[in-house]
Amino acid sequence: MDINVTANSKKSRDQAETFFSKTQTQSMALNRIISEHDAVSQAREAKTARLRELRLEKEADELRAAPAPKSKGKR
């Protein structure tokens, strides 16, 4: 009976290790995907901020370059 208990124990341990290995691999893959997604999001946010800054600078330059409206004096 000791042989069966040992064999069952080894089989259970092997199954647990296999399950753990698969779970660990899935977790690492998920973490990699999340990291890549975060990096893409950060890059997009940085680009958007840079483009917004350039647009605001351009608009400010256009306002400065525009001729001042002529004011009508009181008669």
PDB file of N, CA and C in Angstrom:
ATOM      1  N   MET A   1       0.819  -1.182   0.000  1.00  0.00           N
ATOM      2  CA  MET A   1       0.000   0.000   0.000  1.00  0.00           C
ATOM      3  C   MET A   1       0.872   1.258   0.000  1.00  0.00           C
ATOM      4  N   ASP A   2       2.048   1.207   0.571  1.00  0.00           N
ATOM      5  CA  ASP A   2       2.957   2.346   0.584  1.00  0.00           C
ATOM      6  C   ASP A   2       3.331   2.770  -0.833  1.00  0.00           C
ATOM      7  N   ILE A   3       3.468   1.824  -1.732  1.00  0.00           N
ATOM      8  CA  ILE A   3       3.842   2.118  -3.111  1.00  0.00           C
ATOM      9  C   ILE A   3       2.737   2.920  -3.791  1.00  0.00           C
ATOM     10  N   ASN A   4       1.472   2.560  -3.568  1.00  0.00           N
ATOM     11  CA  ASN A   4       0.352   3.293  -4.163  1.00  0.00           C
ATOM     12  C   ASN A   4       0.277   4.726  -3.627  1.00  0.00           C
ATOM     13  N   VAL A   5       0.471   4.885  -2.325  1.00  0.00           N
ATOM     14  CA  VAL A   5       0.417   6.209  -1.719  1.00  0.00           C
ATOM     15  C   VAL A   5       1.533   7.073  -2.289  1.00  0.00           C
ATOM     16  N   THR A   6       2.729   6.501  -2.420  1.00  0.00           N
ATOM     17  CA  THR A   6       3.860   7.244  -2.965  1.00  0.00           C
ATOM     18  C   THR A   6       3.609   7.599  -4.425  1.00  0.00           C
ATOM     19  N   ALA A   7       3.084   6.666  -5.200  1.00  0.00           N
ATOM     20  CA  ALA A   7       2.810   6.906  -6.617  1.00  0.00           C
ATOM     21  C   ALA A   7       1.727   7.982  -6.768  1.00  0.00           C
ATOM     22  N   ASN A   8       0.680   7.900  -5.946  1.00  0.00           N
ATOM     23  CA  ASN A   8      -0.396   8.892  -6.008  1.00  0.00           C
ATOM     24  C   ASN A   8       0.125  10.263  -5.598  1.00  0.00           C
ATOM     25  N   SER A   9       0.981  10.279  -4.593  1.00  0.00           N
ATOM     26  CA  SER A   9       1.544  11.529  -4.124  1.00  0.00           C
ATOM     27  C   SER A   9       2.403  12.175  -5.213  1.00  0.00           C
ATOM     28  N   LYS A  10       3.221  11.344  -5.873  1.00  0.00           N
ATOM     29  CA  LYS A  10       4.069  11.867  -6.952  1.00  0.00           C
ATOM     30  C   LYS A  10       3.207  12.351  -8.108  1.00  0.00           C
ATOM     31  N   LYS A  11       2.180  11.604  -8.436  1.00  0.00           N
ATOM     32  CA  LYS A  11       1.291  11.996  -9.531  1.00  0.00           C
ATOM     33  C   LYS A  11       0.594  13.319  -9.195  1.00  0.00           C
ATOM     34  N   SER A  12       0.098  13.460  -7.982  1.00  0.00           N
ATOM     35  CA  SER A  12      -0.570  14.685  -7.553  1.00  0.00           C
ATOM     36  C   SER A  12       0.399  15.868  -7.583  1.00  0.00           C
ATOM     37  N   ARG A  13       1.616  15.600  -7.121  1.00  0.00           N
ATOM     38  CA  ARG A  13       2.629  16.667  -7.113  1.00  0.00           C
ATOM     39  C   ARG A  13       2.957  17.097  -8.541  1.00  0.00           C
ATOM     40  N   ASP A  14       3.138  16.125  -9.444  1.00  0.00           N
ATOM     41  CA  ASP A  14       3.429  16.444 -10.844  1.00  0.00           C
ATOM     42  C   ASP A  14       2.288  17.250 -11.470  1.00  0.00           C
ATOM     43  N   GLN A  15       1.053  16.872 -11.176  1.00  0.00           N
ATOM     44  CA  GLN A  15      -0.096  17.614 -11.703  1.00  0.00           C
ATOM     45  C   GLN A  15      -0.125  19.039 -11.149  1.00  0.00           C
ATOM     46  N   ALA A  16       0.155  19.180  -9.874  1.00  0.00           N
ATOM     47  CA  ALA A  16       0.159  20.500  -9.248  1.00  0.00           C
ATOM     48  C   ALA A  16       1.262  21.371  -9.841  1.00  0.00           C
ATOM     49  N   GLU A  17       2.440  20.788 -10.056  1.00  0.00           N
ATOM     50  CA  GLU A  17       3.541  21.540 -10.637  1.00  0.00           C
ATOM     51  C   GLU A  17       3.223  21.954 -12.075  1.00  0.00           C
ATOM     52  N   THR A  18       2.597  21.071 -12.831  1.00  0.00           N
ATOM     53  CA  THR A  18       2.196  21.389 -14.204  1.00  0.00           C
ATOM     54  C   THR A  18       1.184  22.525 -14.206  1.00  0.00           C
ATOM     55  N   PHE A  19       0.188  22.432 -13.344  1.00  0.00           N
ATOM     56  CA  PHE A  19      -0.840  23.464 -13.243  1.00  0.00           C
ATOM     57  C   PHE A  19      -0.211  24.794 -12.834  1.00  0.00           C
ATOM     58  N   PHE A  20       0.669  24.755 -11.849  1.00  0.00           N
ATOM     59  CA  PHE A  20       1.347  25.975 -11.389  1.00  0.00           C
ATOM     60  C   PHE A  20       2.176  26.589 -12.512  1.00  0.00           C
ATOM     61  N   SER A  21       2.891  25.754 -13.243  1.00  0.00           N
ATOM     62  CA  SER A  21       3.722  26.237 -14.344  1.00  0.00           C
ATOM     63  C   SER A  21       2.864  26.923 -15.409  1.00  0.00           C
ATOM     64  N   LYS A  22       1.726  26.307 -15.758  1.00  0.00           N
ATOM     65  CA  LYS A  22       0.827  26.909 -16.752  1.00  0.00           C
ATOM     66  C   LYS A  22       0.277  28.231 -16.239  1.00  0.00           C
ATOM     67  N   THR A  23      -0.126  28.258 -14.973  1.00  0.00           N
ATOM     68  CA  THR A  23      -0.671  29.477 -14.381  1.00  0.00           C
ATOM     69  C   THR A  23       0.380  30.569 -14.348  1.00  0.00           C
ATOM     70  N   GLN A  24       1.595  30.214 -13.983  1.00  0.00           N
ATOM     71  CA  GLN A  24       2.685  31.183 -13.927  1.00  0.00           C
ATOM     72  C   GLN A  24       2.984  31.729 -15.321  1.00  0.00           C
ATOM     73  N   THR A  25       2.993  30.881 -16.322  1.00  0.00           N
ATOM     74  CA  THR A  25       3.243  31.305 -17.696  1.00  0.00           C
ATOM     75  C   THR A  25       2.155  32.266 -18.164  1.00  0.00           C
ATOM     76  N   GLN A  26       0.897  31.945 -17.863  1.00  0.00           N
ATOM     77  CA  GLN A  26      -0.216  32.812 -18.239  1.00  0.00           C
ATOM     78  C   GLN A  26      -0.104  34.165 -17.537  1.00  0.00           C
ATOM     79  N   SER A  27       0.268  34.134 -16.284  1.00  0.00           N
ATOM     80  CA  SER A  27       0.411  35.370 -15.520  1.00  0.00           C
ATOM     81  C   SER A  27       1.513  36.241 -16.100  1.00  0.00           C
ATOM     82  N   MET A  28       2.631  35.638 -16.459  1.00  0.00           N
ATOM     83  CA  MET A  28       3.741  36.392 -17.039  1.00  0.00           C
ATOM     84  C   MET A  28       3.335  36.981 -18.394  1.00  0.00           C
ATOM     85  N   ALA A  29       2.596  36.205 -19.187  1.00  0.00           N
ATOM     86  CA  ALA A  29       2.142  36.693 -20.486  1.00  0.00           C
ATOM     87  C   ALA A  29       1.181  37.868 -20.303  1.00  0.00           C
ATOM     88  N   LEU A  30       0.281  37.739 -19.345  1.00  0.00           N
ATOM     89  CA  LEU A  30      -0.666  38.817 -19.069  1.00  0.00           C
ATOM     90  C   LEU A  30       0.062  40.067 -18.601  1.00  0.00           C
ATOM     91  N   ASN A  31       1.034  39.925 -17.732  1.00  0.00           N
ATOM     92  CA  ASN A  31       1.821  41.062 -17.259  1.00  0.00           C
ATOM     93  C   ASN A  31       2.563  41.746 -18.404  1.00  0.00           C
ATOM     94  N   ARG A  32       3.080  40.952 -19.337  1.00  0.00           N
ATOM     95  CA  ARG A  32       3.778  41.508 -20.507  1.00  0.00           C
ATOM     96  C   ARG A  32       2.801  42.295 -21.371  1.00  0.00           C
ATOM     97  N   ILE A  33       1.626  41.747 -21.594  1.00  0.00           N
ATOM     98  CA  ILE A  33       0.612  42.426 -22.404  1.00  0.00           C
ATOM     99  C   ILE A  33       0.195  43.734 -21.743  1.00  0.00           C
ATOM    100  N   ILE A  34      -0.010  43.705 -20.442  1.00  0.00           N
ATOM    101  CA  ILE A  34      -0.398  44.920 -19.709  1.00  0.00           C
ATOM    102  C   ILE A  34       0.719  45.963 -19.801  1.00  0.00           C
ATOM    103  N   SER A  35       1.958  45.540 -19.653  1.00  0.00           N
ATOM    104  CA  SER A  35       3.093  46.470 -19.741  1.00  0.00           C
ATOM    105  C   SER A  35       3.177  47.098 -21.128  1.00  0.00           C
ATOM    106  N   GLU A  36       2.988  46.293 -22.159  1.00  0.00           N
ATOM    107  CA  GLU A  36       3.027  46.815 -23.524  1.00  0.00           C
ATOM    108  C   GLU A  36       1.877  47.802 -23.736  1.00  0.00           C
ATOM    109  N   HIS A  37       0.710  47.472 -23.236  1.00  0.00           N
ATOM    110  CA  HIS A  37      -0.450  48.363 -23.371  1.00  0.00           C
ATOM    111  C   HIS A  37      -0.181  49.686 -22.657  1.00  0.00           C
ATOM    112  N   ASP A  38       0.376  49.613 -21.469  1.00  0.00           N
ATOM    113  CA  ASP A  38       0.698  50.831 -20.713  1.00  0.00           C
ATOM    114  C   ASP A  38       1.717  51.685 -21.473  1.00  0.00           C
ATOM    115  N   ALA A  39       2.708  51.042 -22.056  1.00  0.00           N
ATOM    116  CA  ALA A  39       3.732  51.775 -22.797  1.00  0.00           C
ATOM    117  C   ALA A  39       3.117  52.475 -24.010  1.00  0.00           C
ATOM    118  N   VAL A  40       2.237  51.791 -24.705  1.00  0.00           N
ATOM    119  CA  VAL A  40       1.565  52.386 -25.863  1.00  0.00           C
ATOM    120  C   VAL A  40       0.703  53.566 -25.411  1.00  0.00           C
ATOM    121  N   SER A  41      -0.014  53.401 -24.315  1.00  0.00           N
ATOM    122  CA  SER A  41      -0.864  54.472 -23.794  1.00  0.00           C
ATOM    123  C   SER A  41      -0.031  55.690 -23.394  1.00  0.00           C
ATOM    124  N   GLN A  42       1.081  55.450 -22.718  1.00  0.00           N
ATOM    125  CA  GLN A  42       1.944  56.557 -22.310  1.00  0.00           C
ATOM    126  C   GLN A  42       2.525  57.277 -23.524  1.00  0.00           C
ATOM    127  N   ALA A  43       2.914  56.521 -24.528  1.00  0.00           N
ATOM    128  CA  ALA A  43       3.456  57.134 -25.746  1.00  0.00           C
ATOM    129  C   ALA A  43       2.381  57.976 -26.435  1.00  0.00           C
ATOM    130  N   ARG A  44       1.158  57.452 -26.493  1.00  0.00           N
ATOM    131  CA  ARG A  44       0.055  58.184 -27.107  1.00  0.00           C
ATOM    132  C   ARG A  44      -0.226  59.477 -26.342  1.00  0.00           C
ATOM    133  N   GLU A  45      -0.248  59.391 -25.019  1.00  0.00           N
ATOM    134  CA  GLU A  45      -0.499  60.585 -24.192  1.00  0.00           C
ATOM    135  C   GLU A  45       0.599  61.627 -24.377  1.00  0.00           C
ATOM    136  N   ALA A  46       1.846  61.183 -24.450  1.00  0.00           N
ATOM    137  CA  ALA A  46       2.965  62.105 -24.647  1.00  0.00           C
ATOM    138  C   ALA A  46       2.865  62.780 -26.011  1.00  0.00           C
ATOM    139  N   LYS A  47       2.537  62.009 -27.028  1.00  0.00           N
ATOM    140  CA  LYS A  47       2.406  62.570 -28.371  1.00  0.00           C
ATOM    141  C   LYS A  47       1.247  63.567 -28.426  1.00  0.00           C
ATOM    142  N   THR A  48       0.140  63.223 -27.800  1.00  0.00           N
ATOM    143  CA  THR A  48      -1.016  64.119 -27.770  1.00  0.00           C
ATOM    144  C   THR A  48      -0.659  65.423 -27.062  1.00  0.00           C
ATOM    145  N   ALA A  49       0.035  65.335 -25.952  1.00  0.00           N
ATOM    146  CA  ALA A  49       0.445  66.533 -25.210  1.00  0.00           C
ATOM    147  C   ALA A  49       1.380  67.394 -26.056  1.00  0.00           C
ATOM    148  N   ARG A  50       2.321  66.759 -26.756  1.00  0.00           N
ATOM    149  CA  ARG A  50       3.261  67.490 -27.605  1.00  0.00           C
ATOM    150  C   ARG A  50       2.515  68.180 -28.751  1.00  0.00           C
ATOM    151  N   LEU A  51       1.594  67.470 -29.384  1.00  0.00           N
ATOM    152  CA  LEU A  51       0.830  68.061 -30.474  1.00  0.00           C
ATOM    153  C   LEU A  51      -0.064  69.202 -29.980  1.00  0.00           C
ATOM    154  N   ARG A  52      -0.651  69.043 -28.801  1.00  0.00           N
ATOM    155  CA  ARG A  52      -1.478  70.110 -28.224  1.00  0.00           C
ATOM    156  C   ARG A  52      -0.636  71.356 -27.983  1.00  0.00           C
ATOM    157  N   GLU A  53       0.565  71.147 -27.436  1.00  0.00           N
ATOM    158  CA  GLU A  53       1.465  72.269 -27.169  1.00  0.00           C
ATOM    159  C   GLU A  53       1.844  72.977 -28.467  1.00  0.00           C
ATOM    160  N   LEU A  54       2.152  72.215 -29.501  1.00  0.00           N
ATOM    161  CA  LEU A  54       2.495  72.816 -30.788  1.00  0.00           C
ATOM    162  C   LEU A  54       1.314  73.588 -31.375  1.00  0.00           C
ATOM    163  N   ARG A  55       0.112  73.026 -31.257  1.00  0.00           N
ATOM    164  CA  ARG A  55      -1.079  73.703 -31.770  1.00  0.00           C
ATOM    165  C   ARG A  55      -1.312  75.014 -31.032  1.00  0.00           C
ATOM    166  N   LEU A  56      -1.181  74.991 -29.710  1.00  0.00           N
ATOM    167  CA  LEU A  56      -1.385  76.214 -28.932  1.00  0.00           C
ATOM    168  C   LEU A  56      -0.338  77.274 -29.270  1.00  0.00           C
ATOM    169  N   GLU A  57       0.901  76.847 -29.470  1.00  0.00           N
ATOM    170  CA  GLU A  57       1.951  77.783 -29.871  1.00  0.00           C
ATOM    171  C   GLU A  57       1.631  78.405 -31.224  1.00  0.00           C
ATOM    172  N   LYS A  58       1.175  77.584 -32.163  1.00  0.00           N
ATOM    173  CA  LYS A  58       0.833  78.064 -33.500  1.00  0.00           C
ATOM    174  C   LYS A  58      -0.319  79.064 -33.418  1.00  0.00           C
ATOM    175  N   GLU A  59      -1.336  78.747 -32.629  1.00  0.00           N
ATOM    176  CA  GLU A  59      -2.465  79.649 -32.485  1.00  0.00           C
ATOM    177  C   GLU A  59      -2.033  80.970 -31.848  1.00  0.00           C
ATOM    178  N   ALA A  60      -1.148  80.903 -30.878  1.00  0.00           N
ATOM    179  CA  ALA A  60      -0.647  82.121 -30.233  1.00  0.00           C
ATOM    180  C   ALA A  60       0.153  82.951 -31.231  1.00  0.00           C
ATOM    181  N   ASP A  61       0.983  82.307 -32.051  1.00  0.00           N
ATOM    182  CA  ASP A  61       1.753  83.021 -33.079  1.00  0.00           C
ATOM    183  C   ASP A  61       0.824  83.682 -34.084  1.00  0.00           C
ATOM    184  N   GLU A  62      -0.232  82.989 -34.483  1.00  0.00           N
ATOM    185  CA  GLU A  62      -1.192  83.547 -35.437  1.00  0.00           C
ATOM    186  C   GLU A  62      -1.909  84.762 -34.842  1.00  0.00           C
ATOM    187  N   LEU A  63      -2.239  84.680 -33.557  1.00  0.00           N
ATOM    188  CA  LEU A  63      -2.892  85.822 -32.914  1.00  0.00           C
ATOM    189  C   LEU A  63      -1.965  87.030 -32.850  1.00  0.00           C
ATOM    190  N   ARG A  64      -0.690  86.793 -32.558  1.00  0.00           N
ATOM    191  CA  ARG A  64       0.282  87.883 -32.486  1.00  0.00           C
ATOM    192  C   ARG A  64       0.515  88.483 -33.866  1.00  0.00           C
ATOM    193  N   ALA A  65       0.485  87.659 -34.898  1.00  0.00           N
ATOM    194  CA  ALA A  65       0.765  88.125 -36.263  1.00  0.00           C
ATOM    195  C   ALA A  65      -0.435  88.798 -36.901  1.00  0.00           C
ATOM    196  N   ALA A  66      -1.612  88.551 -36.406  1.00  0.00           N
ATOM    197  CA  ALA A  66      -2.819  89.144 -36.983  1.00  0.00           C
ATOM    198  C   ALA A  66      -2.821  90.641 -36.727  1.00  0.00           C
ATOM    199  N   PRO A  67      -3.266  91.404 -37.726  1.00  0.00           N
ATOM    200  CA  PRO A  67      -3.321  92.846 -37.509  1.00  0.00           C
ATOM    201  C   PRO A  67      -4.349  93.181 -36.435  1.00  0.00           C
ATOM    202  N   ALA A  68      -4.030  94.190 -35.654  1.00  0.00           N
ATOM    203  CA  ALA A  68      -4.935  94.594 -34.582  1.00  0.00           C
ATOM    204  C   ALA A  68      -6.176  95.218 -35.207  1.00  0.00           C
ATOM    205  N   PRO A  69      -7.323  94.889 -34.688  1.00  0.00           N
ATOM    206  CA  PRO A  69      -8.542  95.484 -35.262  1.00  0.00           C
ATOM    207  C   PRO A  69      -8.545  96.993 -35.018  1.00  0.00           C
ATOM    208  N   LYS A  70      -8.976  97.725 -36.040  1.00  0.00           N
ATOM    209  CA  LYS A  70      -9.025  99.182 -35.914  1.00  0.00           C
ATOM    210  C   LYS A  70     -10.203  99.552 -35.037  1.00  0.00           C
ATOM    211  N   SER A  71      -9.910 100.346 -34.056  1.00  0.00           N
ATOM    212  CA  SER A  71     -10.994 100.747 -33.167  1.00  0.00           C
ATOM    213  C   SER A  71     -11.633 102.014 -33.701  1.00  0.00           C
ATOM    214  N   LYS A  72     -12.913 102.086 -33.584  1.00  0.00           N
ATOM    215  CA  LYS A  72     -13.641 103.270 -34.024  1.00  0.00           C
ATOM    216  C   LYS A  72     -13.709 104.226 -32.847  1.00  0.00           C
ATOM    217  N   GLY A  73     -13.227 105.399 -33.051  1.00  0.00           N
ATOM    218  CA  GLY A  73     -13.246 106.389 -31.998  1.00  0.00           C
ATOM    219  C   GLY A  73     -14.631 107.002 -31.841  1.00  0.00           C
ATOM    220  N   LYS A  74     -14.852 107.664 -30.715  1.00  0.00           N
ATOM    221  CA  LYS A  74     -16.123 108.339 -30.481  1.00  0.00           C
ATOM    222  C   LYS A  74     -16.151 109.637 -31.274  1.00  0.00           C
ATOM    223  N   ARG A  75     -17.270 109.998 -31.808  1.00  0.00           N
ATOM    224  CA  ARG A  75     -17.376 111.240 -32.596  1.00  0.00           C
ATOM    225  C   ARG A  75     -17.999 112.318 -31.825  1.00  0.00           C
TER     226      ARG A  75
END
